[in-house]
Amino acid sequence: MQKRNSAHLKAQRQGKERDLHTCQICGSTNHTEGHHIFDYAFGGASDKDNIVTLCHDCHNKVHKGLIDLFKF
């Protein structure tokens, strides 16, 4: 995994603040994390518009392929 720079950390913070630290799938406010809609490791932008807030459980389900995300 690539080391996360300050722009990445700022985007994560801004995305979670925009989403009020609420999972955008299930509505939980417990253990929220920022998830890149377009994967950072494959060139996804370090920008709040590329971040969606997910709880830890939903985040894991996304990475396991059990939940698909779409950006409109």
C-alpha atoms as a PDB file:
ATOM      1  CA  MET A   1       0.000   0.000   0.000  1.00  0.00           C
ATOM      2  CA  GLN A   2       1.217   3.494  -0.820  1.00  0.00           C
ATOM      3  CA  LYS A   3       2.110   5.814   2.037  1.00  0.00           C
ATOM      4  CA  ARG A   4      -0.630   8.391   2.576  1.00  0.00           C
ATOM      5  CA  ASN A   5       0.461  12.018   2.221  1.00  0.00           C
ATOM      6  CA  SER A   6      -0.987  15.144   3.824  1.00  0.00           C
ATOM      7  CA  ALA A   7      -3.317  15.791   0.858  1.00  0.00           C
ATOM      8  CA  HIS A   8      -4.751  12.301   1.306  1.00  0.00           C
ATOM      9  CA  LEU A   9      -5.257  12.766   5.043  1.00  0.00           C
ATOM     10  CA  LYS A  10      -6.894  16.163   4.455  1.00  0.00           C
ATOM     11  CA  ALA A  11      -9.282  14.668   1.863  1.00  0.00           C
ATOM     12  CA  GLN A  12     -10.207  11.847   4.246  1.00  0.00           C
ATOM     13  CA  ARG A  13     -10.953  14.354   7.022  1.00  0.00           C
ATOM     14  CA  GLN A  14     -12.940  16.677   4.747  1.00  0.00           C
ATOM     15  CA  GLY A  15     -14.990  13.809   3.321  1.00  0.00           C
ATOM     16  CA  LYS A  16     -15.898  12.515   6.770  1.00  0.00           C
ATOM     17  CA  GLU A  17     -16.767  16.031   7.961  1.00  0.00           C
ATOM     18  CA  ARG A  18     -18.973  16.602   4.879  1.00  0.00           C
ATOM     19  CA  ASP A  19     -20.786  13.329   5.600  1.00  0.00           C
ATOM     20  CA  LEU A  20     -21.121  14.242   9.304  1.00  0.00           C
ATOM     21  CA  HIS A  21     -19.072  11.141  10.211  1.00  0.00           C
ATOM     22  CA  THR A  22     -22.053   9.007   9.127  1.00  0.00           C
ATOM     23  CA  CYS A  23     -21.822   5.820   7.074  1.00  0.00           C
ATOM     24  CA  GLN A  24     -23.382   6.551   3.697  1.00  0.00           C
ATOM     25  CA  ILE A  25     -24.617   2.961   3.402  1.00  0.00           C
ATOM     26  CA  CYS A  26     -26.154   2.038   6.764  1.00  0.00           C
ATOM     27  CA  GLY A  27     -26.265   5.363   8.644  1.00  0.00           C
ATOM     28  CA  SER A  28     -24.011   4.268  11.508  1.00  0.00           C
ATOM     29  CA  THR A  29     -21.804   6.825  13.230  1.00  0.00           C
ATOM     30  CA  ASN A  30     -19.606   4.183  14.879  1.00  0.00           C
ATOM     31  CA  HIS A  31     -16.025   3.662  13.689  1.00  0.00           C
ATOM     32  CA  THR A  32     -16.384   5.652  10.465  1.00  0.00           C
ATOM     33  CA  GLU A  33     -13.640   5.645   7.853  1.00  0.00           C
ATOM     34  CA  GLY A  34     -13.037   7.423   4.569  1.00  0.00           C
ATOM     35  CA  HIS A  35     -13.152   5.202   1.486  1.00  0.00           C
ATOM     36  CA  HIS A  36     -11.856   6.213  -1.941  1.00  0.00           C
ATOM     37  CA  ILE A  37     -14.562   5.784  -4.557  1.00  0.00           C
ATOM     38  CA  PHE A  38     -11.838   5.512  -7.209  1.00  0.00           C
ATOM     39  CA  ASP A  39      -9.016   3.584  -5.540  1.00  0.00           C
ATOM     40  CA  TYR A  40      -6.068   5.679  -4.380  1.00  0.00           C
ATOM     41  CA  ALA A  41      -3.645   2.858  -5.210  1.00  0.00           C
ATOM     42  CA  PHE A  42      -4.774   3.064  -8.854  1.00  0.00           C
ATOM     43  CA  GLY A  43      -4.569   6.832  -9.186  1.00  0.00           C
ATOM     44  CA  GLY A  44      -7.807   7.900  -7.491  1.00  0.00           C
ATOM     45  CA  ALA A  45      -7.666  11.536  -6.444  1.00  0.00           C
ATOM     46  CA  SER A  46      -6.825  12.672  -2.941  1.00  0.00           C
ATOM     47  CA  ASP A  47      -9.872  14.890  -2.942  1.00  0.00           C
ATOM     48  CA  LYS A  48     -12.965  14.998  -0.729  1.00  0.00           C
ATOM     49  CA  ASP A  49     -15.130  14.403  -3.819  1.00  0.00           C
ATOM     50  CA  ASN A  50     -13.462  10.990  -4.161  1.00  0.00           C
ATOM     51  CA  ILE A  51     -14.164  10.051  -0.529  1.00  0.00           C
ATOM     52  CA  VAL A  52     -17.272   8.440   0.919  1.00  0.00           C
ATOM     53  CA  THR A  53     -17.706   7.853   4.648  1.00  0.00           C
ATOM     54  CA  LEU A  54     -18.344   4.246   5.629  1.00  0.00           C
ATOM     55  CA  CYS A  55     -18.510   2.446   8.959  1.00  0.00           C
ATOM     56  CA  HIS A  56     -15.865  -0.214   9.491  1.00  0.00           C
ATOM     57  CA  ASP A  57     -18.304  -3.062   8.719  1.00  0.00           C
ATOM     58  CA  CYS A  58     -19.587  -1.566   5.448  1.00  0.00           C
ATOM     59  CA  HIS A  59     -16.022  -0.601   4.464  1.00  0.00           C
ATOM     60  CA  ASN A  60     -14.951  -4.234   4.851  1.00  0.00           C
ATOM     61  CA  LYS A  61     -17.956  -5.393   2.801  1.00  0.00           C
ATOM     62  CA  VAL A  62     -17.026  -2.996  -0.009  1.00  0.00           C
ATOM     63  CA  HIS A  63     -13.467  -4.359  -0.104  1.00  0.00           C
ATOM     64  CA  LYS A  64     -14.772  -7.947  -0.085  1.00  0.00           C
ATOM     65  CA  GLY A  65     -17.021  -7.178  -3.056  1.00  0.00           C
ATOM     66  CA  LEU A  66     -20.254  -7.635  -1.091  1.00  0.00           C
ATOM     67  CA  ILE A  67     -21.312  -4.002  -1.632  1.00  0.00           C
ATOM     68  CA  ASP A  68     -20.794  -2.013  -4.833  1.00  0.00           C
ATOM     69  CA  LEU A  69     -20.420   1.768  -4.822  1.00  0.00           C
ATOM     70  CA  PHE A  70     -21.458   4.037  -7.674  1.00  0.00           C
ATOM     71  CA  LYS A  71     -20.810   7.746  -8.060  1.00  0.00           C
ATOM     72  CA  PHE A  72     -23.358   9.837  -9.931  1.00  0.00           C
END
